[in-house]
PDB file of N, CA and C in Angstrom:
ATOM      1  N   UNK A   1      85.840  14.797 -26.587  1.00  0.00           N
ATOM      2  CA  UNK A   1      85.603  16.007 -25.822  1.00  0.00           C
ATOM      3  C   UNK A   1      84.197  16.509 -26.113  1.00  0.00           C
ATOM      4  N   UNK A   2      83.498  16.914 -25.087  1.00  0.00           N
ATOM      5  CA  UNK A   2      82.146  17.456 -25.228  1.00  0.00           C
ATOM      6  C   UNK A   2      82.259  18.913 -25.651  1.00  0.00           C
ATOM      7  N   UNK A   3      81.655  19.236 -26.809  1.00  0.00           N
ATOM      8  CA  UNK A   3      81.768  20.602 -27.317  1.00  0.00           C
ATOM      9  C   UNK A   3      80.674  21.539 -26.799  1.00  0.00           C
ATOM     10  N   UNK A   4      79.580  20.996 -26.270  1.00  0.00           N
ATOM     11  CA  UNK A   4      78.502  21.827 -25.743  1.00  0.00           C
ATOM     12  C   UNK A   4      78.055  21.262 -24.401  1.00  0.00           C
ATOM     13  N   UNK A   5      77.926  22.130 -23.408  1.00  0.00           N
ATOM     14  CA  UNK A   5      77.588  21.679 -22.063  1.00  0.00           C
ATOM     15  C   UNK A   5      76.215  21.036 -21.983  1.00  0.00           C
ATOM     16  N   UNK A   6      75.278  21.409 -22.849  1.00  0.00           N
ATOM     17  CA  UNK A   6      73.928  20.847 -22.774  1.00  0.00           C
ATOM     18  C   UNK A   6      73.893  19.367 -23.154  1.00  0.00           C
ATOM     19  N   UNK A   7      74.965  18.847 -23.721  1.00  0.00           N
ATOM     20  CA  UNK A   7      75.030  17.418 -24.006  1.00  0.00           C
ATOM     21  C   UNK A   7      75.241  16.608 -22.722  1.00  0.00           C
ATOM     22  N   UNK A   8      75.602  17.265 -21.636  1.00  0.00           N
ATOM     23  CA  UNK A   8      75.850  16.595 -20.370  1.00  0.00           C
ATOM     24  C   UNK A   8      74.620  16.548 -19.470  1.00  0.00           C
ATOM     25  N   UNK A   9      73.561  17.201 -19.847  1.00  0.00           N
ATOM     26  CA  UNK A   9      72.365  17.277 -19.024  1.00  0.00           C
ATOM     27  C   UNK A   9      71.583  15.969 -19.147  1.00  0.00           C
ATOM     28  N   UNK A  10      71.226  15.404 -18.001  1.00  0.00           N
ATOM     29  CA  UNK A  10      70.463  14.156 -17.986  1.00  0.00           C
ATOM     30  C   UNK A  10      69.058  14.396 -18.544  1.00  0.00           C
ATOM     31  N   UNK A  11      68.561  13.386 -19.206  1.00  0.00           N
ATOM     32  CA  UNK A  11      67.206  13.456 -19.750  1.00  0.00           C
ATOM     33  C   UNK A  11      66.310  12.516 -18.964  1.00  0.00           C
ATOM     34  N   UNK A  12      65.084  12.933 -18.752  1.00  0.00           N
ATOM     35  CA  UNK A  12      64.122  12.122 -18.020  1.00  0.00           C
ATOM     36  C   UNK A  12      63.262  11.287 -18.954  1.00  0.00           C
ATOM     37  N   UNK A  13      62.415  10.469 -18.375  1.00  0.00           N
ATOM     38  CA  UNK A  13      61.533   9.591 -19.140  1.00  0.00           C
ATOM     39  C   UNK A  13      60.656  10.399 -20.095  1.00  0.00           C
ATOM     40  N   UNK A  14      60.126  11.529 -19.624  1.00  0.00           N
ATOM     41  CA  UNK A  14      59.268  12.364 -20.474  1.00  0.00           C
ATOM     42  C   UNK A  14      60.014  12.887 -21.695  1.00  0.00           C
ATOM     43  N   UNK A  15      61.290  13.227 -21.512  1.00  0.00           N
ATOM     44  CA  UNK A  15      62.088  13.711 -22.638  1.00  0.00           C
ATOM     45  C   UNK A  15      62.210  12.639 -23.720  1.00  0.00           C
ATOM     46  N   UNK A  16      62.451  11.401 -23.304  1.00  0.00           N
ATOM     47  CA  UNK A  16      62.554  10.313 -24.278  1.00  0.00           C
ATOM     48  C   UNK A  16      61.204  10.026 -24.931  1.00  0.00           C
ATOM     49  N   UNK A  17      60.135  10.073 -24.137  1.00  0.00           N
ATOM     50  CA  UNK A  17      58.792   9.825 -24.681  1.00  0.00           C
ATOM     51  C   UNK A  17      58.446  10.800 -25.795  1.00  0.00           C
ATOM     52  N   UNK A  18      58.846  12.064 -25.622  1.00  0.00           N
ATOM     53  CA  UNK A  18      58.580  13.075 -26.648  1.00  0.00           C
ATOM     54  C   UNK A  18      59.305  12.753 -27.954  1.00  0.00           C
ATOM     55  N   UNK A  19      60.385  11.982 -27.858  1.00  0.00           N
ATOM     56  CA  UNK A  19      61.142  11.580 -29.046  1.00  0.00           C
ATOM     57  C   UNK A  19      60.675  10.235 -29.599  1.00  0.00           C
ATOM     58  N   UNK A  20      59.620   9.667 -28.994  1.00  0.00           N
ATOM     59  CA  UNK A  20      59.097   8.386 -29.458  1.00  0.00           C
ATOM     60  C   UNK A  20      59.895   7.187 -28.959  1.00  0.00           C
ATOM     61  N   UNK A  21      60.656   7.371 -27.875  1.00  0.00           N
ATOM     62  CA  UNK A  21      61.486   6.306 -27.316  1.00  0.00           C
ATOM     63  C   UNK A  21      60.819   5.791 -26.047  1.00  0.00           C
ATOM     64  N   UNK A  22      60.531   4.489 -25.998  1.00  0.00           N
ATOM     65  CA  UNK A  22      59.904   3.885 -24.822  1.00  0.00           C
ATOM     66  C   UNK A  22      60.969   3.581 -23.775  1.00  0.00           C
ATOM     67  N   UNK A  23      60.738   4.062 -22.558  1.00  0.00           N
ATOM     68  CA  UNK A  23      61.653   3.813 -21.444  1.00  0.00           C
ATOM     69  C   UNK A  23      60.858   3.116 -20.348  1.00  0.00           C
ATOM     70  N   UNK A  24      61.360   2.000 -19.873  1.00  0.00           N
ATOM     71  CA  UNK A  24      60.697   1.258 -18.804  1.00  0.00           C
ATOM     72  C   UNK A  24      61.601   1.253 -17.576  1.00  0.00           C
ATOM     73  N   UNK A  25      61.200   2.006 -16.542  1.00  0.00           N
ATOM     74  CA  UNK A  25      61.966   2.011 -15.308  1.00  0.00           C
ATOM     75  C   UNK A  25      61.383   0.966 -14.360  1.00  0.00           C
ATOM     76  N   UNK A  26      62.196   0.495 -13.437  1.00  0.00           N
ATOM     77  CA  UNK A  26      61.819  -0.570 -12.510  1.00  0.00           C
ATOM     78  C   UNK A  26      61.416  -1.846 -13.245  1.00  0.00           C
ATOM     79  N   UNK A  27      62.112  -2.112 -14.336  1.00  0.00           N
ATOM     80  CA  UNK A  27      61.929  -3.329 -15.117  1.00  0.00           C
ATOM     81  C   UNK A  27      63.300  -3.970 -15.320  1.00  0.00           C
ATOM     82  N   UNK A  28      63.302  -5.272 -15.428  1.00  0.00           N
ATOM     83  CA  UNK A  28      64.548  -5.999 -15.629  1.00  0.00           C
ATOM     84  C   UNK A  28      64.366  -6.981 -16.780  1.00  0.00           C
ATOM     85  N   UNK A  29      65.272  -6.929 -17.749  1.00  0.00           N
ATOM     86  CA  UNK A  29      65.244  -7.890 -18.849  1.00  0.00           C
ATOM     87  C   UNK A  29      65.841  -9.185 -18.333  1.00  0.00           C
ATOM     88  N   UNK A  30      65.065 -10.267 -18.433  1.00  0.00           N
ATOM     89  CA  UNK A  30      65.536 -11.551 -17.923  1.00  0.00           C
ATOM     90  C   UNK A  30      65.812 -12.548 -19.038  1.00  0.00           C
ATOM     91  N   UNK A  31      65.531 -12.150 -20.271  1.00  0.00           N
ATOM     92  CA  UNK A  31      65.832 -13.006 -21.410  1.00  0.00           C
ATOM     93  C   UNK A  31      65.676 -12.238 -22.711  1.00  0.00           C
ATOM     94  N   UNK A  32      66.446 -12.643 -23.715  1.00  0.00           N
ATOM     95  CA  UNK A  32      66.371 -12.000 -25.027  1.00  0.00           C
ATOM     96  C   UNK A  32      66.240 -13.081 -26.090  1.00  0.00           C
ATOM     97  N   UNK A  33      65.205 -12.958 -26.937  1.00  0.00           N
ATOM     98  CA  UNK A  33      65.000 -13.843 -28.079  1.00  0.00           C
ATOM     99  C   UNK A  33      65.384 -13.040 -29.319  1.00  0.00           C
ATOM    100  N   UNK A  34      66.652 -13.170 -29.715  1.00  0.00           N
ATOM    101  CA  UNK A  34      67.173 -12.357 -30.817  1.00  0.00           C
ATOM    102  C   UNK A  34      66.513 -12.683 -32.145  1.00  0.00           C
ATOM    103  N   UNK A  35      66.210 -13.953 -32.379  1.00  0.00           N
ATOM    104  CA  UNK A  35      65.608 -14.355 -33.663  1.00  0.00           C
ATOM    105  C   UNK A  35      64.239 -13.726 -33.870  1.00  0.00           C
ATOM    106  N   UNK A  36      63.429 -13.673 -32.795  1.00  0.00           N
ATOM    107  CA  UNK A  36      62.073 -13.127 -32.898  1.00  0.00           C
ATOM    108  C   UNK A  36      61.975 -11.686 -32.416  1.00  0.00           C
ATOM    109  N   UNK A  37      63.121 -11.111 -32.066  1.00  0.00           N
ATOM    110  CA  UNK A  37      63.198  -9.713 -31.629  1.00  0.00           C
ATOM    111  C   UNK A  37      62.232  -9.420 -30.479  1.00  0.00           C
ATOM    112  N   UNK A  38      62.348 -10.245 -29.429  1.00  0.00           N
ATOM    113  CA  UNK A  38      61.528 -10.059 -28.234  1.00  0.00           C
ATOM    114  C   UNK A  38      62.407 -10.169 -26.998  1.00  0.00           C
ATOM    115  N   UNK A  39      62.004  -9.446 -25.956  1.00  0.00           N
ATOM    116  CA  UNK A  39      62.668  -9.572 -24.667  1.00  0.00           C
ATOM    117  C   UNK A  39      61.647 -10.047 -23.638  1.00  0.00           C
ATOM    118  N   UNK A  40      62.120 -10.861 -22.699  1.00  0.00           N
ATOM    119  CA  UNK A  40      61.288 -11.232 -21.569  1.00  0.00           C
ATOM    120  C   UNK A  40      61.632 -10.261 -20.450  1.00  0.00           C
ATOM    121  N   UNK A  41      60.596  -9.647 -19.901  1.00  0.00           N
ATOM    122  CA  UNK A  41      60.783  -8.549 -18.962  1.00  0.00           C
ATOM    123  C   UNK A  41      60.105  -8.877 -17.639  1.00  0.00           C
ATOM    124  N   UNK A  42      60.766  -8.483 -16.551  1.00  0.00           N
ATOM    125  CA  UNK A  42      60.171  -8.583 -15.222  1.00  0.00           C
ATOM    126  C   UNK A  42      59.861  -7.175 -14.737  1.00  0.00           C
ATOM    127  N   UNK A  43      58.590  -6.921 -14.442  1.00  0.00           N
ATOM    128  CA  UNK A  43      58.173  -5.670 -13.817  1.00  0.00           C
ATOM    129  C   UNK A  43      58.467  -5.836 -12.332  1.00  0.00           C
ATOM    130  N   UNK A  44      59.494  -5.178 -11.859  1.00  0.00           N
ATOM    131  CA  UNK A  44      59.979  -5.387 -10.498  1.00  0.00           C
ATOM    132  C   UNK A  44      58.936  -4.981  -9.450  1.00  0.00           C
ATOM    133  N   UNK A  45      58.226  -3.909  -9.672  1.00  0.00           N
ATOM    134  CA  UNK A  45      57.250  -3.437  -8.675  1.00  0.00           C
ATOM    135  C   UNK A  45      56.042  -4.367  -8.568  1.00  0.00           C
ATOM    136  N   UNK A  46      55.605  -4.938  -9.685  1.00  0.00           N
ATOM    137  CA  UNK A  46      54.411  -5.783  -9.688  1.00  0.00           C
ATOM    138  C   UNK A  46      54.732  -7.278  -9.635  1.00  0.00           C
ATOM    139  N   UNK A  47      55.991  -7.631  -9.899  1.00  0.00           N
ATOM    140  CA  UNK A  47      56.382  -9.034  -9.894  1.00  0.00           C
ATOM    141  C   UNK A  47      55.847  -9.817 -11.068  1.00  0.00           C
ATOM    142  N   UNK A  48      55.485  -9.139 -12.148  1.00  0.00           N
ATOM    143  CA  UNK A  48      54.907  -9.800 -13.323  1.00  0.00           C
ATOM    144  C   UNK A  48      55.931  -9.881 -14.447  1.00  0.00           C
ATOM    145  N   UNK A  49      55.865 -10.984 -15.200  1.00  0.00           N
ATOM    146  CA  UNK A  49      56.726 -11.172 -16.375  1.00  0.00           C
ATOM    147  C   UNK A  49      55.890 -11.008 -17.638  1.00  0.00           C
ATOM    148  N   UNK A  50      56.523 -10.472 -18.676  1.00  0.00           N
ATOM    149  CA  UNK A  50      55.847 -10.344 -19.963  1.00  0.00           C
ATOM    150  C   UNK A  50      56.893 -10.286 -21.065  1.00  0.00           C
ATOM    151  N   UNK A  51      56.442 -10.483 -22.302  1.00  0.00           N
ATOM    152  CA  UNK A  51      57.314 -10.381 -23.466  1.00  0.00           C
ATOM    153  C   UNK A  51      57.007  -9.085 -24.196  1.00  0.00           C
ATOM    154  N   UNK A  52      58.052  -8.467 -24.728  1.00  0.00           N
ATOM    155  CA  UNK A  52      57.884  -7.214 -25.476  1.00  0.00           C
ATOM    156  C   UNK A  52      58.740  -7.303 -26.726  1.00  0.00           C
ATOM    157  N   UNK A  53      58.151  -6.961 -27.866  1.00  0.00           N
ATOM    158  CA  UNK A  53      58.917  -6.977 -29.113  1.00  0.00           C
ATOM    159  C   UNK A  53      59.651  -5.653 -29.276  1.00  0.00           C
ATOM    160  N   UNK A  54      60.672  -5.669 -30.128  1.00  0.00           N
ATOM    161  CA  UNK A  54      61.458  -4.454 -30.340  1.00  0.00           C
ATOM    162  C   UNK A  54      61.916  -4.350 -31.786  1.00  0.00           C
ATOM    163  N   UNK A  55      62.138  -3.096 -32.207  1.00  0.00           N
ATOM    164  CA  UNK A  55      62.753  -2.812 -33.504  1.00  0.00           C
ATOM    165  C   UNK A  55      64.260  -2.678 -33.302  1.00  0.00           C
ATOM    166  N   UNK A  56      64.637  -1.848 -32.348  1.00  0.00           N
ATOM    167  CA  UNK A  56      66.030  -1.665 -31.955  1.00  0.00           C
ATOM    168  C   UNK A  56      66.074  -1.785 -30.442  1.00  0.00           C
ATOM    169  N   UNK A  57      67.080  -2.441 -29.934  1.00  0.00           N
ATOM    170  CA  UNK A  57      67.159  -2.700 -28.506  1.00  0.00           C
ATOM    171  C   UNK A  57      68.375  -2.005 -27.905  1.00  0.00           C
ATOM    172  N   UNK A  58      68.113  -1.189 -26.891  1.00  0.00           N
ATOM    173  CA  UNK A  58      69.189  -0.549 -26.132  1.00  0.00           C
ATOM    174  C   UNK A  58      68.951  -0.908 -24.677  1.00  0.00           C
ATOM    175  N   UNK A  59      69.915  -1.562 -24.064  1.00  0.00           N
ATOM    176  CA  UNK A  59      69.786  -1.944 -22.666  1.00  0.00           C
ATOM    177  C   UNK A  59      70.721  -1.064 -21.846  1.00  0.00           C
ATOM    178  N   UNK A  60      70.150  -0.364 -20.876  1.00  0.00           N
ATOM    179  CA  UNK A  60      70.957   0.439 -19.970  1.00  0.00           C
ATOM    180  C   UNK A  60      70.861  -0.183 -18.590  1.00  0.00           C
ATOM    181  N   UNK A  61      71.944  -0.229 -17.902  1.00  0.00           N
ATOM    182  CA  UNK A  61      71.988  -0.922 -16.623  1.00  0.00           C
ATOM    183  C   UNK A  61      71.748  -0.013 -15.434  1.00  0.00           C
ATOM    184  N   UNK A  62      71.629   1.271 -15.676  1.00  0.00           N
ATOM    185  CA  UNK A  62      71.436   2.201 -14.572  1.00  0.00           C
ATOM    186  C   UNK A  62      72.764   2.519 -13.911  1.00  0.00           C
ATOM    187  N   UNK A  63      72.719   3.447 -13.016  1.00  0.00           N
ATOM    188  CA  UNK A  63      73.951   3.856 -12.346  1.00  0.00           C
ATOM    189  C   UNK A  63      73.618   4.566 -11.054  1.00  0.00           C
ATOM    190  N   UNK A  64      74.576   4.575 -10.175  1.00  0.00           N
ATOM    191  CA  UNK A  64      74.472   5.349  -8.956  1.00  0.00           C
ATOM    192  C   UNK A  64      75.664   6.290  -8.919  1.00  0.00           C
ATOM    193  N   UNK A  65      75.456   7.525  -8.473  1.00  0.00           N
ATOM    194  CA  UNK A  65      76.592   8.453  -8.442  1.00  0.00           C
ATOM    195  C   UNK A  65      77.627   8.000  -7.425  1.00  0.00           C
ATOM    196  N   UNK A  66      78.869   8.244  -7.733  1.00  0.00           N
ATOM    197  CA  UNK A  66      79.974   7.925  -6.831  1.00  0.00           C
ATOM    198  C   UNK A  66      80.624   9.222  -6.419  1.00  0.00           C
ATOM    199  N   UNK A  67      80.654   9.469  -5.130  1.00  0.00           N
ATOM    200  CA  UNK A  67      81.291  10.679  -4.610  1.00  0.00           C
ATOM    201  C   UNK A  67      82.520  10.233  -3.840  1.00  0.00           C
ATOM    202  N   UNK A  68      83.704  10.509  -4.379  1.00  0.00           N
ATOM    203  CA  UNK A  68      84.919  10.051  -3.712  1.00  0.00           C
ATOM    204  C   UNK A  68      85.186  10.822  -2.424  1.00  0.00           C
ATOM    205  N   UNK A  69      85.814  10.142  -1.487  1.00  0.00           N
ATOM    206  CA  UNK A  69      86.226  10.817  -0.262  1.00  0.00           C
ATOM    207  C   UNK A  69      87.535  11.546  -0.528  1.00  0.00           C
ATOM    208  N   UNK A  70      87.604  12.792  -0.120  1.00  0.00           N
ATOM    209  CA  UNK A  70      88.814  13.577  -0.302  1.00  0.00           C
ATOM    210  C   UNK A  70      89.563  13.670   1.019  1.00  0.00           C
ATOM    211  N   UNK A  71      90.855  13.564   0.942  1.00  0.00           N
ATOM    212  CA  UNK A  71      91.676  13.683   2.141  1.00  0.00           C
ATOM    213  C   UNK A  71      91.889  15.167   2.417  1.00  0.00           C
ATOM    214  N   UNK A  72      91.578  15.560   3.630  1.00  0.00           N
ATOM    215  CA  UNK A  72      91.808  16.962   3.983  1.00  0.00           C
ATOM    216  C   UNK A  72      92.707  17.015   5.219  1.00  0.00           C
ATOM    217  N   UNK A  73      93.520  18.043   5.299  1.00  0.00           N
ATOM    218  CA  UNK A  73      94.422  18.202   6.451  1.00  0.00           C
ATOM    219  C   UNK A  73      93.791  19.057   7.500  1.00  0.00           C
TER     220      UNK A  73
END
């Protein structure tokens, strides 16, 4: 159960940057080298691939809101 409503507020890229967390939008991880702690990344907008090292890796897949249809009489 969420005890404070502010925990439900979405955070933007700038919010994470202020905490020292790098966020890459419009990028897709296409490979992970666990031994060397690197990911192969595709920059979707530019069509370029590159490798990026990491200390800790968190992969988020993104989401789209779902608004259910309600039956009304």
